[in-house]
Protein backbone atom coordinates (compact mmCIF):
# COMPACT_ATOMS: atom_id res chain seq x y z
CA ILE A 1 0.00 0.00 0.00
CA THR A 2 1.44 3.32 -1.06
CA GLY A 3 -0.17 6.54 0.12
CA CYS A 4 -3.49 7.15 1.83
CA ALA A 5 -6.30 9.32 0.50
CA GLN A 6 -7.71 9.82 4.00
CA PRO A 7 -6.20 12.89 5.69
CA ASP A 8 -4.57 12.65 9.10
CA LEU A 9 -6.23 15.88 10.19
CA ASN A 10 -9.07 18.06 8.89
CA LEU A 11 -8.93 21.73 9.86
CA GLY A 12 -11.67 24.31 10.09
CA TRP A 13 -11.84 27.72 11.72
CA SER A 14 -14.55 30.35 11.56
CA ASN A 15 -14.49 33.74 13.21
CA ASN A 16 -16.58 36.87 13.31
CA PHE A 17 -15.13 40.27 14.14
CA GLN A 18 -17.34 43.26 14.91
CA TYR A 19 -16.45 46.90 15.38
CA LYS A 20 -19.25 49.41 15.73
CA ASN A 21 -21.47 48.76 12.68
CA TRP A 22 -18.83 46.80 10.74
CA ASN A 23 -18.49 43.02 10.73
CA LEU A 24 -15.92 40.70 9.17
CA ASP A 25 -16.52 36.96 8.80
CA LEU A 26 -13.67 34.56 7.96
CA PHE A 27 -13.81 30.83 7.27
CA PHE A 28 -10.61 28.77 6.89
CA THR A 29 -10.33 25.07 5.99
CA GLY A 30 -7.43 22.71 5.54
CA VAL A 31 -6.17 19.16 5.42
CA LEU A 32 -2.95 17.64 6.67
CA GLY A 33 -1.48 14.27 5.69
CA GLN A 34 -3.56 13.51 2.60
CA ASP A 35 -1.98 11.73 -0.36
CA ILE A 36 -3.27 12.39 -3.88
CA TYR A 37 -2.62 10.32 -6.98
CA ASN A 38 -2.10 12.97 -9.67
CA ALA A 39 -3.56 11.10 -12.65
CA THR A 40 -3.70 14.32 -14.67
CA ALA A 41 0.10 14.72 -14.45
CA GLU A 42 0.49 11.03 -15.25
CA GLN A 43 -1.58 11.38 -18.43
CA TYR A 44 0.15 14.56 -19.66
CA SER A 45 3.65 13.15 -19.08
CA ASN A 46 3.35 10.86 -22.07
CA VAL A 47 6.42 11.41 -24.27
CA SER A 48 4.65 9.99 -27.33
CA PHE A 49 2.18 12.91 -27.14
CA VAL A 50 4.99 15.20 -28.38
CA LYS A 51 5.22 13.34 -31.71
CA GLU A 52 1.43 13.44 -32.01
CA GLY A 53 1.33 17.21 -31.41
CA ARG A 54 -0.76 16.85 -28.25
CA ASN A 55 -0.44 18.78 -25.01
CA VAL A 56 2.17 17.69 -22.49
CA LEU A 57 3.60 19.05 -19.26
CA LYS A 58 6.69 21.24 -19.41
CA SER A 59 8.54 18.59 -17.38
CA VAL A 60 8.40 16.21 -20.37
CA ALA A 61 11.05 18.32 -22.12
CA THR A 62 13.33 18.58 -19.08
CA GLU A 63 12.86 15.38 -17.08
CA HIS A 64 12.04 12.62 -19.58
CA ARG A 65 14.07 10.89 -22.27
CA ALA A 66 12.57 10.87 -25.77
CA THR A 67 12.86 7.07 -25.81
CA ASP A 68 10.94 6.64 -22.55
CA THR A 69 7.75 4.89 -23.66
CA GLN A 70 6.60 4.27 -20.08
CA SER A 71 6.84 7.85 -18.76
CA GLN A 72 3.11 7.93 -18.02
CA ALA A 73 2.90 4.42 -16.53
CA PRO A 74 1.04 4.17 -13.21
CA SER A 75 3.49 4.26 -10.32
CA ASN A 76 4.07 5.86 -6.95
CA ARG A 77 5.89 8.77 -8.64
CA TRP A 78 2.46 10.35 -9.19
CA ILE A 79 1.51 10.29 -5.49
CA GLU A 80 1.82 13.74 -3.95
CA ASN A 81 1.22 15.36 -0.60
CA GLY A 82 -2.25 16.93 -0.80
CA SER A 83 -2.07 19.01 2.39
CA TYR A 84 -3.49 22.51 2.04
CA PHE A 85 -4.74 25.55 3.95
CA ARG A 86 -7.49 27.65 2.34
CA LEU A 87 -9.34 30.87 3.11
CA SER A 88 -12.68 29.55 1.93
CA SER A 89 -14.76 32.63 2.56
CA VAL A 90 -14.41 36.23 3.69
CA SER A 91 -17.33 38.60 4.12
CA LEU A 92 -17.32 42.29 5.05
CA GLY A 93 -20.52 44.07 5.97
CA TYR A 94 -21.88 47.33 7.35
CA THR A 95 -25.21 47.60 9.18
CA PHE A 96 -27.20 50.81 9.10
CA GLY A 97 -29.70 51.59 11.84
CA LYS A 98 -33.38 52.36 11.40
CA ILE A 99 -34.21 53.95 8.06
CA GLY A 100 -37.61 55.62 7.84
CA ASN A 101 -40.73 54.03 9.29
CA TRP A 102 -40.57 50.68 7.50
CA ILE A 103 -36.96 49.52 7.63
CA ASN A 104 -35.58 48.55 11.05
CA SER A 105 -32.09 47.81 9.70
CA LEU A 106 -30.16 47.54 6.46
CA LYS A 107 -26.97 45.53 6.07
CA LEU A 108 -24.79 45.86 2.98
CA TYR A 109 -22.12 43.22 2.49
CA ALA A 110 -19.56 41.81 0.06
CA THR A 111 -18.34 38.21 0.09
CA CYS A 112 -15.53 36.39 -1.68
CA ASN A 113 -15.36 32.57 -1.78
CA ASN A 114 -12.21 30.53 -2.46
CA VAL A 115 -9.92 33.46 -1.70
CA PHE A 116 -6.55 31.65 -1.61
CA THR A 117 -5.01 28.21 -1.08
CA ILE A 118 -1.58 27.41 0.31
CA THR A 119 -0.34 24.01 -0.85
CA GLY A 120 2.63 22.20 -2.31
CA TYR A 121 0.43 20.06 -4.56
CA SER A 122 1.33 20.47 -8.23
CA GLY A 123 -2.17 19.78 -9.52
CA VAL A 124 -4.89 22.33 -10.11
CA ASP A 125 -6.64 22.00 -6.74
CA PRO A 126 -5.88 19.66 -3.80
CA GLU A 127 -9.51 19.78 -2.61
CA PHE A 128 -11.64 17.74 -4.96
CA SER A 129 -14.36 15.15 -4.74
CA THR A 130 -15.07 12.07 -6.78
CA SER A 131 -18.37 10.36 -7.38
CA SER A 132 -16.89 6.88 -7.04
CA PRO A 133 -15.23 5.37 -3.95
CA LEU A 134 -12.89 3.54 -6.34
CA ASN A 135 -11.40 6.89 -7.37
CA SER A 136 -10.97 8.23 -3.85
CA GLY A 137 -7.76 10.25 -3.71
CA VAL A 138 -7.31 10.29 -7.50
CA ASP A 139 -7.14 13.68 -9.23
CA ARG A 140 -8.27 12.84 -12.73
CA TYR A 141 -9.07 16.01 -14.71
CA ILE A 142 -10.97 17.57 -11.85
CA TYR A 143 -12.23 21.11 -12.46
CA PRO A 144 -11.02 23.41 -9.65
CA PHE A 145 -13.24 25.35 -7.29
CA THR A 146 -14.02 28.75 -8.74
CA ARG A 147 -13.58 32.07 -6.99
CA SER A 148 -16.85 33.94 -6.66
CA TYR A 149 -17.82 37.41 -5.53
CA THR A 150 -21.17 38.36 -4.05
CA VAL A 151 -22.58 41.77 -3.13
CA GLY A 152 -25.83 41.88 -1.21
CA ALA A 153 -28.24 43.67 1.05
CA GLN A 154 -30.20 42.36 4.03
CA LEU A 155 -33.33 44.26 5.05
CA THR A 156 -35.21 43.89 8.32
CA PHE A 157 -38.71 45.34 8.41
């Protein structure tokens, strides 16, 4: 057995800071001790793809011999440390007091999701999910989490 897709430790931290009418919400997540099989790197390390005019990783030109026909063969060379630390969400808001006769409060806020990720993993994103338990811990062409921005208002009548 080489590598383990189950992390040794899952991290999560949420905090809310308030100063007068301002509030700041932060949510951090992370994983320590997770191994990921980088099947995407395995696939795109195929030396024969160069002759076919297909996409390959930059490392194919610097780390592989042109005669290496097994450069993309499954092996433990594709297992990487998948530990990461991510600022998953940050939200900044300002709450106004009573406005007129109908509105008791108005809160304006802006939120950003998937702010940054600190990791040594060479793939696109160390946090991914698979629909099959047979592919647990295998990064096979997974689309990364997107960064999103939200601006909103919360009214209390």
